Structures are given as C-alpha cells and as structure tokens.
Amino acid sequence: MPNFTKNRLIIFSLAAIIVLSSVGFGFWMGKSQVVCKVCAPEDIDFSLFWEAYHKLQEKFVDPQKFDVQKIIYGAISGMVKSLGDPYTVFFPPDETKRFNEDVKGAFEGVGMEVGIRKGNLQVISPLKGTPAKNAGLRAGDKILEINGTSTAELTVDEAVNMIRGPKGTEVTLTIFREEWEETREIKLTRDVISVPSLEWELKEGDIAYIELYQFSEKASYDFQMTAIEILNTPAKKIILDLRNNPGGYLEVAQDIAGWFLERDKLVVIEDFGEGKEKIEYKAKGNARFSQYPMVILINQGSASGSEILAGALRDNRGILMIGDKSFGKGSVQELQSLKGGSSLKITVAKWLTPQGKLITDVGLEPDIKVEITDEDYKEGLDPQLDKAIEAVKGL
C-alpha cells in the first residue's frame, strides 16, 4: 500500500454521492499554514467587502439569520466559484469531514459519481449494487433537476450535497438521456454505500476478466491479492474493464500500472503550466502481466485514474480499447487544509498521457467503438464485453 500522507487523488469528483467527492481525482493533502496576515496586492481594496458586510449587519430585516461564520464561508465559496473551475472547491468543516470519509470508500447516498461536462451535470458512473445502478441510471445521463431545483448553476460539490443524505431518505432526480424524447423523474432511496475495489473471474478457460471499480486506498492491496490468484490459474490473457471507474488515488493507478508495464515506463505526466517543471510518474511494479495479451474496456464513466491507466497501457504497449469514448477528466487537485477544519480542493495541474496527449474535455477514443443500446440493457446483454472477448482471443 502506498503512503497516503501526501497523496494525490485523481478522483473524478470522487464527488461524493456516493459520490466520493470526485474522480476525481488528483489530490495532495496539504497542511494549513499562514505566510502573512494580509497578502493582497496593493491595488485591491477590501473596503468594499467590509462596507457591504456592515450594511447587511445594519439593514438586514432578520438579524437572527446574521451568522458571521456562515458569511465568511459564503464569501470564500464565492471567491472560489468565481474561478469557473468545477473542481476547485471550498469545504467548510462539516464538508471536509464528509469528503475525508468518502475517499475511504463507505458512506450514505445513492451510489454514483457525477461531474460537469460541457456545462451539464451528468452521471459519470453508477456503481454496482447501489440505488443509482438498480434504478437504471447510466453513464452520460444528464441530471437537470434535484428535488425540483435546477442544476444549471450548481458546482459538482453543491449537487453532491443535495443528492446524498441519510439512509432511508429519498431524492428525486430529473434525468434526460439522448435516447429519450423527454425527461423522466427517477426517485432514489438513499442507502449505505460500500464500494468494492474490483472483482474478477476466468472466462473462456484462459481469459482473466478484471473489473476495476475505483482506485481507492485499498485497491493496490486488493489488486495484488487478485494478481496472485490469477497467476495461479490457467489465465493467459486479460480483459481489464475500466467502465464506470471514476478514478481515485494517482499513486494507486501508478501501482496497478506497474503490473502491466516494465519498470520505469512512463505512466503519466503532471503539467503545472508554462515555465514550471513537469513531474513524471513511472511504473514501479514487477511487470508480471506485461507479456499478457490484453484489451481494455472503457465508456463515458471511465474518468481520471482509469483514463490515466488506459492511456499509459495504450501509449506504451498499444493495448486496444473497446467501448465508448471516456469522460475526459485531465486535471489534478490538491486538498489544502485550512484553519478551523475547513479545506480547499484546488486544481493545480493538468495531466498528460505518456505521449503528451491532454484528454481534458476530449477523452480517450476507443480503437473499436461498441455501443450498448436500451434493448441490450433490458435484455442483460453486454456487446462491449462480447467484443472484448472476441478481440483478446485473436491476440
């Protein structure tokens, strides 16, 4: 297991409805520090803020609602939101606590990842065995309203906070899907969500089919245990299913890549912008699967960490991708602790595939595009997996 004291997450949002606020998605757990009391440039006049504050204090009709702490939190949130980046977010203490719990992999909610793409809130991945999955929600579904409130102006984390809640309570989502002629309301009953790292089974006698659900804290260990099992079976080929995998810890994606790539092969590049030094993450593992013929399954719910792993395997080994285009989440966040238990999740870099490709808002295109239709879902068919089995048998 990697050391998570200063770990970067690439959680989509391992936005927590499970939703793991969000994935993420690339975070670095930073420490709170004060460099100076007032660090604003000389040409910024904060008197406007204080003038507005005092006017509210003097004139607001309901003084019982005048909560100074909430006003400060609201001011910080507004400052952060003005940057226009859905992944840069301020967390008050209670949301910071919830976020830290979410990335552990167990919480109460409906069991899906959400994100903003082209201005729309949408489902990134409904997780197996959760209320969201059982209700028929799919990657790519647009969430237009939450309990009747429009999502048009919401950040990812604001939407997450509205959707998640205690076990047994309900939330109603207004959903639009490209195949539908009109929106539909879907009512979900929240539950305790426990997200597994992965599952695997042997198919066709010698194909190890690995479903990797997320890059959580324990996924490195779980993958190691699975790898040992696979190495003691007749498996000679691998299908790595990254569909609906929204991300997680960057170091976990790096660890797992080390099973498939020779040591020191490039996994991902962090780009901090012009004039700043890039950071390269390389494979460190034992490469036990580096000679196994394999294919990868991706879809719209494959984001961040799963895109990093898939991109690394294609760029280094030419591994075929099958399915739908991935989500396209190519930014890295740091989680910085603030005084009083608050925190900031800040976008600090973009990540690039080993060949230097940026996938933000673009995604990874599959080599073999296979769609799953409404009829396929209704009949329990999986033409993407069928194609993957056909393709890997020919390798």
Protein backbone atom coordinates (compact mmCIF):
# COMPACT_ATOMS: atom_id res chain seq x y z
CA MET A 1 0.00 0.00 0.00
CA PRO A 2 1.30 3.47 -0.84
CA ASN A 3 1.81 6.17 1.76
CA PHE A 4 -1.26 8.43 1.66
CA THR A 5 0.03 11.19 3.91
CA LYS A 6 0.74 13.43 0.91
CA ASN A 7 -1.13 11.59 -1.77
CA ARG A 8 -2.56 12.98 -4.96
CA LEU A 9 -6.07 11.94 -5.82
CA ILE A 10 -7.45 11.99 -9.28
CA ILE A 11 -10.91 11.26 -8.10
CA PHE A 12 -13.37 12.49 -10.53
CA SER A 13 -15.11 14.29 -8.05
CA LEU A 14 -14.84 11.20 -6.13
CA ALA A 15 -17.61 13.75 -5.77
CA ALA A 16 -19.37 12.09 -3.11
CA ILE A 17 -22.81 10.94 -3.61
CA ILE A 18 -21.56 8.14 -3.02
CA VAL A 19 -20.37 10.03 -4.50
CA LEU A 20 -16.84 10.26 -3.45
CA SER A 21 -16.31 13.94 -3.65
CA SER A 22 -14.97 13.24 -7.18
CA VAL A 23 -12.85 11.43 -9.83
CA GLY A 24 -11.60 12.58 -9.25
CA PHE A 25 -9.48 12.73 -8.69
CA GLY A 26 -5.59 14.06 -8.07
CA PHE A 27 -5.28 15.49 -4.60
CA TRP A 28 -2.40 16.30 -2.33
CA MET A 29 -3.24 16.52 1.33
CA GLY A 30 -1.51 19.77 2.29
CA LYS A 31 -1.04 21.39 5.68
CA SER A 32 -2.53 24.64 6.86
CA GLN A 33 -0.03 27.45 7.02
CA VAL A 34 -0.10 31.22 7.34
CA VAL A 35 2.55 33.12 5.42
CA CYS A 36 1.31 36.62 6.09
CA LYS A 37 -1.64 38.35 7.74
CA VAL A 38 -2.61 40.34 4.63
CA CYS A 39 -1.18 39.16 1.33
CA ALA A 40 -3.38 41.07 -1.14
CA PRO A 41 -1.78 43.15 -3.91
CA GLU A 42 -1.70 46.86 -3.11
CA ASP A 43 -4.28 47.74 -5.78
CA ILE A 44 -7.01 45.55 -4.22
CA ASP A 45 -9.34 47.50 -1.93
CA PHE A 46 -11.14 45.27 0.57
CA SER A 47 -13.15 48.20 1.90
CA LEU A 48 -15.98 47.25 -0.46
CA PHE A 49 -16.32 43.89 1.28
CA TRP A 50 -16.46 45.49 4.71
CA GLU A 51 -18.85 48.19 3.51
CA ALA A 52 -21.24 45.51 2.24
CA TYR A 53 -20.81 43.50 5.45
CA HIS A 54 -21.67 46.47 7.67
CA LYS A 55 -24.67 47.43 5.51
CA LEU A 56 -26.03 43.90 5.88
CA GLN A 57 -25.40 43.98 9.60
CA GLU A 58 -27.18 47.32 9.89
CA LYS A 59 -30.12 46.87 7.50
CA PHE A 60 -30.95 43.16 7.13
CA VAL A 61 -34.52 42.57 8.21
CA ASP A 62 -33.92 39.33 10.14
CA PRO A 63 -30.86 39.77 12.41
CA GLN A 64 -31.29 36.25 13.83
CA LYS A 65 -30.10 34.94 10.46
CA PHE A 66 -26.95 37.06 10.51
CA ASP A 67 -24.37 34.33 11.14
CA VAL A 68 -20.85 35.75 10.85
CA GLN A 69 -19.22 32.36 10.32
CA LYS A 70 -21.61 31.45 7.51
CA ILE A 71 -20.97 34.82 5.90
CA ILE A 72 -17.22 34.18 5.92
CA TYR A 73 -17.68 30.69 4.47
CA GLY A 74 -20.04 32.09 1.84
CA ALA A 75 -17.56 34.81 0.88
CA ILE A 76 -14.77 32.24 0.44
CA SER A 77 -17.06 29.97 -1.58
CA GLY A 78 -18.00 32.87 -3.83
CA MET A 79 -14.33 33.74 -4.37
CA VAL A 80 -13.56 30.14 -5.32
CA LYS A 81 -16.60 29.82 -7.58
CA SER A 82 -15.59 32.97 -9.49
CA LEU A 83 -12.66 30.99 -10.97
CA GLY A 84 -15.12 28.99 -13.05
CA ASP A 85 -13.45 25.63 -12.32
CA PRO A 86 -15.91 22.95 -11.13
CA TYR A 87 -13.11 21.01 -9.42
CA THR A 88 -11.76 23.91 -7.32
CA VAL A 89 -13.99 23.99 -4.24
CA PHE A 90 -14.08 25.33 -0.68
CA PHE A 91 -15.17 22.86 2.02
CA PRO A 92 -16.40 24.12 5.42
CA PRO A 93 -15.50 21.82 8.35
CA ASP A 94 -18.52 19.52 8.03
CA GLU A 95 -17.97 19.04 4.28
CA THR A 96 -14.25 18.49 4.83
CA LYS A 97 -15.06 15.72 7.30
CA ARG A 98 -17.52 14.18 4.84
CA PHE A 99 -15.02 14.35 1.99
CA ASN A 100 -12.34 12.59 4.02
CA GLU A 101 -14.83 9.87 4.93
CA ASP A 102 -15.91 9.49 1.31
CA VAL A 103 -12.47 8.64 -0.03
CA LYS A 104 -12.33 5.74 2.43
CA GLY A 105 -14.99 4.02 0.30
CA ALA A 106 -18.06 3.72 2.58
CA PHE A 107 -20.82 6.31 3.10
CA GLU A 108 -24.54 7.01 2.76
CA GLY A 109 -26.01 8.15 -0.53
CA VAL A 110 -27.25 6.75 -3.85
CA GLY A 111 -24.01 5.31 -5.24
CA MET A 112 -22.90 7.23 -8.30
CA GLU A 113 -20.23 9.63 -9.46
CA VAL A 114 -21.30 12.90 -11.05
CA GLY A 115 -19.45 15.61 -12.94
CA ILE A 116 -19.93 18.65 -15.14
CA ARG A 117 -19.31 18.25 -18.85
CA LYS A 118 -19.96 20.98 -21.39
CA GLY A 119 -21.91 22.88 -18.75
CA ASN A 120 -24.22 19.99 -17.85
CA LEU A 121 -24.33 17.97 -14.65
CA GLN A 122 -24.25 14.33 -15.63
CA VAL A 123 -23.83 10.84 -14.26
CA ILE A 124 -20.27 9.64 -14.62
CA SER A 125 -20.72 6.18 -13.21
CA PRO A 126 -23.46 4.42 -11.27
CA LEU A 127 -21.75 1.91 -9.00
CA LYS A 128 -22.59 -1.76 -8.94
CA GLY A 129 -25.25 -2.84 -6.46
CA THR A 130 -26.26 0.71 -5.44
CA PRO A 131 -29.63 2.52 -5.60
CA ALA A 132 -28.41 4.51 -8.63
CA LYS A 133 -27.45 1.38 -10.56
CA ASN A 134 -30.56 -0.51 -9.53
CA ALA A 135 -32.75 2.39 -10.70
CA GLY A 136 -31.27 2.11 -14.19
CA LEU A 137 -29.15 5.27 -14.22
CA ARG A 138 -26.29 5.18 -16.74
CA ALA A 139 -23.06 6.98 -17.51
CA GLY A 140 -23.89 10.03 -19.61
CA ASP A 141 -27.36 10.66 -18.16
CA LYS A 142 -27.88 14.41 -17.67
CA ILE A 143 -29.24 15.50 -14.27
CA LEU A 144 -31.42 18.56 -14.93
CA GLU A 145 -33.05 18.92 -11.50
CA ILE A 146 -32.54 17.65 -7.96
CA ASN A 147 -35.75 17.62 -5.94
CA GLY A 148 -37.13 20.22 -8.34
CA THR A 149 -34.09 22.55 -8.15
CA SER A 150 -32.31 23.27 -11.43
CA THR A 151 -28.70 22.10 -11.61
CA ALA A 152 -27.73 24.74 -14.20
CA GLU A 153 -25.77 26.93 -11.77
CA LEU A 154 -24.59 24.29 -9.31
CA THR A 155 -21.00 23.16 -8.80
CA VAL A 156 -20.30 19.45 -8.61
CA ASP A 157 -19.97 19.56 -4.84
CA GLU A 158 -23.18 21.58 -4.38
CA ALA A 159 -25.02 18.98 -6.43
CA VAL A 160 -23.42 16.18 -4.44
CA ASN A 161 -24.53 17.72 -1.16
CA MET A 162 -28.11 17.89 -2.44
CA ILE A 163 -28.19 14.32 -3.72
CA ARG A 164 -26.57 12.49 -0.86
CA GLY A 165 -28.14 12.03 2.56
CA PRO A 166 -29.01 9.59 5.35
CA LYS A 167 -30.01 6.03 4.65
CA GLY A 168 -33.74 5.60 4.04
CA THR A 169 -34.39 9.15 2.82
CA GLU A 170 -35.40 9.87 -0.78
CA VAL A 171 -34.15 12.15 -3.55
CA THR A 172 -35.83 12.76 -6.90
CA LEU A 173 -33.69 13.40 -9.99
CA THR A 174 -34.97 14.78 -13.28
CA ILE A 175 -32.98 12.89 -15.91
CA PHE A 176 -32.52 13.28 -19.65
CA ARG A 177 -30.94 10.61 -21.83
CA GLU A 178 -30.07 11.04 -25.50
CA GLU A 179 -32.27 8.07 -26.49
CA TRP A 180 -35.33 9.59 -24.76
CA GLU A 181 -37.77 12.07 -26.25
CA GLU A 182 -38.47 13.74 -22.90
CA THR A 183 -37.13 13.93 -19.36
CA ARG A 184 -38.02 11.41 -16.67
CA GLU A 185 -38.17 11.71 -12.90
CA ILE A 186 -36.35 8.97 -11.02
CA LYS A 187 -36.84 8.62 -7.28
CA LEU A 188 -33.98 7.05 -5.33
CA THR A 189 -33.89 5.83 -1.74
CA ARG A 190 -30.52 6.51 -0.17
CA ASP A 191 -28.58 3.67 1.43
CA VAL A 192 -25.22 2.84 2.98
CA ILE A 193 -22.78 2.56 0.09
CA SER A 194 -19.74 0.31 0.32
CA VAL A 195 -17.66 0.36 -2.84
CA PRO A 196 -15.52 -2.68 -3.69
CA SER A 197 -12.16 -2.19 -5.40
CA LEU A 198 -12.50 -4.92 -8.01
CA GLU A 199 -13.85 -8.31 -8.98
CA TRP A 200 -12.52 -10.90 -11.37
CA GLU A 201 -13.42 -14.20 -12.99
CA LEU A 202 -11.99 -16.64 -15.51
CA LYS A 203 -13.73 -16.61 -18.92
CA GLU A 204 -13.34 -19.00 -21.85
CA GLY A 205 -10.92 -21.08 -19.78
CA ASP A 206 -7.87 -18.81 -20.06
CA ILE A 207 -9.05 -15.15 -20.02
CA ALA A 208 -8.81 -13.24 -16.73
CA TYR A 209 -11.65 -10.71 -16.75
CA ILE A 210 -10.89 -7.98 -14.19
CA GLU A 211 -13.48 -5.32 -13.30
CA LEU A 212 -11.64 -2.48 -11.58
CA TYR A 213 -14.23 -0.20 -9.96
CA GLN A 214 -12.08 2.54 -8.45
CA PHE A 215 -8.56 3.45 -7.33
CA SER A 216 -9.34 3.62 -3.61
CA GLU A 217 -6.90 3.39 -0.69
CA LYS A 218 -7.15 -0.40 -0.58
CA ALA A 219 -7.21 -1.03 -4.34
CA SER A 220 -3.43 -1.58 -4.59
CA TYR A 221 -3.58 -4.35 -1.99
CA ASP A 222 -6.76 -5.84 -3.45
CA PHE A 223 -5.19 -5.89 -6.93
CA GLN A 224 -2.08 -7.58 -5.56
CA MET A 225 -4.18 -10.33 -3.99
CA THR A 226 -6.16 -10.72 -7.22
CA ALA A 227 -2.96 -10.84 -9.29
CA ILE A 228 -1.60 -13.66 -7.12
CA GLU A 229 -4.82 -15.60 -7.69
CA ILE A 230 -4.70 -15.03 -11.46
CA LEU A 231 -1.05 -16.09 -11.68
CA ASN A 232 -2.07 -19.43 -10.14
CA THR A 233 -4.76 -20.12 -12.74
CA PRO A 234 -4.58 -21.16 -16.42
CA ALA A 235 -5.15 -17.47 -17.41
CA LYS A 236 -3.03 -16.45 -20.40
CA LYS A 237 -4.86 -13.30 -21.49
CA ILE A 238 -6.53 -10.36 -19.74
CA ILE A 239 -9.57 -8.13 -20.21
CA LEU A 240 -9.26 -5.05 -17.99
CA ASP A 241 -12.70 -3.49 -17.54
CA LEU A 242 -12.44 0.20 -16.57
CA ARG A 243 -16.02 1.08 -17.47
CA ASN A 244 -17.72 3.33 -14.89
CA ASN A 245 -14.44 3.70 -12.98
CA PRO A 246 -14.29 7.39 -11.94
CA GLY A 247 -10.75 7.48 -10.55
CA GLY A 248 -9.15 7.68 -7.12
CA TYR A 249 -5.58 7.95 -5.91
CA LEU A 250 -2.98 8.72 -8.55
CA GLU A 251 -0.41 6.57 -6.77
CA VAL A 252 -2.79 3.60 -6.87
CA ALA A 253 -3.20 3.96 -10.65
CA GLN A 254 0.61 4.10 -10.84
CA ASP A 255 0.95 0.98 -8.66
CA ILE A 256 -1.50 -1.04 -10.75
CA ALA A 257 0.14 0.13 -13.98
CA GLY A 258 3.33 -1.46 -12.66
CA TRP A 259 1.78 -4.92 -13.04
CA PHE A 260 1.26 -4.33 -16.78
CA LEU A 261 4.31 -2.20 -17.71
CA GLU A 262 8.03 -2.77 -17.49
CA ARG A 263 9.70 -0.88 -14.65
CA ASP A 264 10.40 2.83 -15.33
CA LYS A 265 7.95 3.03 -18.22
CA LEU A 266 6.15 6.38 -18.10
CA VAL A 267 2.62 6.23 -16.65
CA VAL A 268 1.53 9.89 -16.61
CA ILE A 269 2.92 13.43 -16.71
CA GLU A 270 1.75 16.27 -14.46
CA ASP A 271 1.91 19.64 -16.21
CA PHE A 272 1.79 22.65 -13.85
CA GLY A 273 1.76 25.24 -16.61
CA GLU A 274 4.19 27.33 -18.60
CA GLY A 275 7.60 27.80 -17.02
CA LYS A 276 7.04 25.16 -14.34
CA GLU A 277 8.73 21.79 -14.12
CA LYS A 278 6.65 18.77 -15.09
CA ILE A 279 6.51 15.70 -12.84
CA GLU A 280 6.74 12.22 -14.35
CA TYR A 281 5.17 9.18 -12.70
CA LYS A 282 6.75 5.88 -13.77
CA ALA A 283 5.88 2.22 -13.34
CA LYS A 284 7.45 0.69 -10.23
CA GLY A 285 5.93 -2.77 -10.09
CA ASN A 286 7.03 -6.29 -11.01
CA ALA A 287 5.53 -6.25 -14.54
CA ARG A 288 4.14 -9.78 -14.09
CA PHE A 289 1.38 -9.12 -16.64
CA SER A 290 3.50 -7.11 -19.08
CA GLN A 291 3.65 -10.00 -21.58
CA TYR A 292 -0.01 -11.00 -21.33
CA PRO A 293 -2.10 -10.20 -24.42
CA MET A 294 -4.92 -7.92 -23.25
CA VAL A 295 -7.64 -5.43 -24.16
CA ILE A 296 -9.26 -2.62 -22.17
CA LEU A 297 -12.94 -1.73 -21.84
CA ILE A 298 -13.87 1.97 -21.41
CA ASN A 299 -17.02 4.08 -21.55
CA GLN A 300 -18.31 7.55 -20.61
CA GLY A 301 -17.94 6.61 -16.95
CA SER A 302 -14.20 5.94 -17.29
CA ALA A 303 -12.61 9.07 -15.85
CA SER A 304 -9.39 10.40 -14.42
CA GLY A 305 -7.46 7.49 -12.85
CA SER A 306 -8.96 4.96 -15.25
CA GLU A 307 -8.07 7.24 -18.18
CA ILE A 308 -4.51 7.51 -16.85
CA LEU A 309 -4.13 3.72 -16.64
CA ALA A 310 -5.77 3.12 -20.03
CA GLY A 311 -3.73 5.88 -21.67
CA ALA A 312 -0.49 4.52 -20.21
CA LEU A 313 -1.18 0.99 -21.47
CA ARG A 314 -2.12 2.18 -24.95
CA ASP A 315 0.81 4.61 -25.28
CA ASN A 316 3.38 2.09 -24.01
CA ARG A 317 2.04 -1.21 -25.29
CA GLY A 318 -0.50 -0.35 -27.98
CA ILE A 319 -3.27 -2.06 -25.99
CA LEU A 320 -6.64 -1.95 -27.77
CA MET A 321 -9.50 -0.02 -26.15
CA ILE A 322 -13.06 -1.17 -26.76
CA GLY A 323 -16.36 0.55 -25.92
CA ASP A 324 -17.31 4.25 -25.80
CA LYS A 325 -15.22 7.40 -25.52
CA SER A 326 -14.08 8.09 -21.94
CA PHE A 327 -15.18 11.10 -19.90
CA GLY A 328 -12.13 13.37 -20.32
CA LYS A 329 -11.09 14.46 -16.81
CA GLY A 330 -7.47 15.50 -17.08
CA SER A 331 -6.83 17.86 -14.18
CA VAL A 332 -5.17 17.31 -10.81
CA GLN A 333 -6.31 18.73 -7.49
CA GLU A 334 -4.60 19.31 -4.16
CA LEU A 335 -6.54 19.24 -0.92
CA GLN A 336 -5.20 22.02 1.31
CA SER A 337 -6.17 22.10 4.99
CA LEU A 338 -7.28 25.47 6.39
CA LYS A 339 -7.76 26.70 9.95
CA GLY A 340 -10.83 25.59 11.85
CA GLY A 341 -11.19 22.32 9.95
CA SER A 342 -12.04 23.83 6.56
CA SER A 343 -10.20 22.96 3.36
CA LEU A 344 -9.69 23.94 -0.27
CA LYS A 345 -9.63 21.50 -3.16
CA ILE A 346 -7.58 23.35 -5.78
CA THR A 347 -6.86 22.44 -9.40
CA VAL A 348 -3.07 22.74 -9.61
CA ALA A 349 -2.11 20.86 -12.78
CA LYS A 350 -3.19 19.02 -15.89
CA TRP A 351 -2.07 15.52 -16.60
CA LEU A 352 -0.85 14.16 -19.90
CA THR A 353 -0.56 10.63 -21.26
CA PRO A 354 2.98 9.28 -21.78
CA GLN A 355 2.87 10.56 -25.38
CA GLY A 356 1.96 14.03 -24.13
CA LYS A 357 -1.74 13.97 -25.00
CA LEU A 358 -4.15 16.10 -22.93
CA ILE A 359 -7.57 14.49 -22.61
CA THR A 360 -9.49 17.20 -20.69
CA ASP A 361 -12.96 17.54 -22.27
CA VAL A 362 -11.76 15.27 -25.09
CA GLY A 363 -11.44 11.83 -23.53
CA LEU A 364 -9.88 8.67 -24.93
CA GLU A 365 -11.35 7.36 -28.18
CA PRO A 366 -11.78 3.58 -28.29
CA ASP A 367 -10.00 1.70 -31.05
CA ILE A 368 -13.14 -0.37 -31.53
CA LYS A 369 -16.35 1.55 -30.81
CA VAL A 370 -19.21 -0.57 -29.48
CA GLU A 371 -22.38 0.92 -28.03
CA ILE A 372 -24.84 -0.63 -25.61
CA THR A 373 -28.45 0.11 -26.56
CA ASP A 374 -31.56 0.35 -24.38
CA GLU A 375 -32.57 -3.07 -25.66
CA ASP A 376 -29.20 -4.52 -24.67
CA TYR A 377 -29.67 -3.19 -21.12
CA LYS A 378 -33.21 -4.55 -20.90
CA GLU A 379 -32.13 -7.99 -22.10
CA GLY A 380 -29.00 -8.09 -19.95
CA LEU A 381 -26.66 -8.15 -22.95
CA ASP A 382 -23.13 -6.73 -22.98
CA PRO A 383 -21.92 -6.40 -26.58
CA GLN A 384 -18.84 -4.45 -25.42
CA LEU A 385 -17.65 -7.36 -23.30
CA ASP A 386 -18.54 -9.80 -26.07
CA LYS A 387 -16.37 -7.81 -28.47
CA ALA A 388 -13.54 -7.70 -25.92
CA ILE A 389 -13.60 -11.50 -25.58
CA GLU A 390 -13.60 -11.88 -29.36
CA ALA A 391 -10.69 -9.42 -29.73
CA VAL A 392 -8.49 -10.85 -26.97
CA LYS A 393 -8.99 -14.42 -28.25
CA GLY A 394 -7.45 -13.29 -31.52
CA LEU A 395 -4.29 -11.93 -29.88
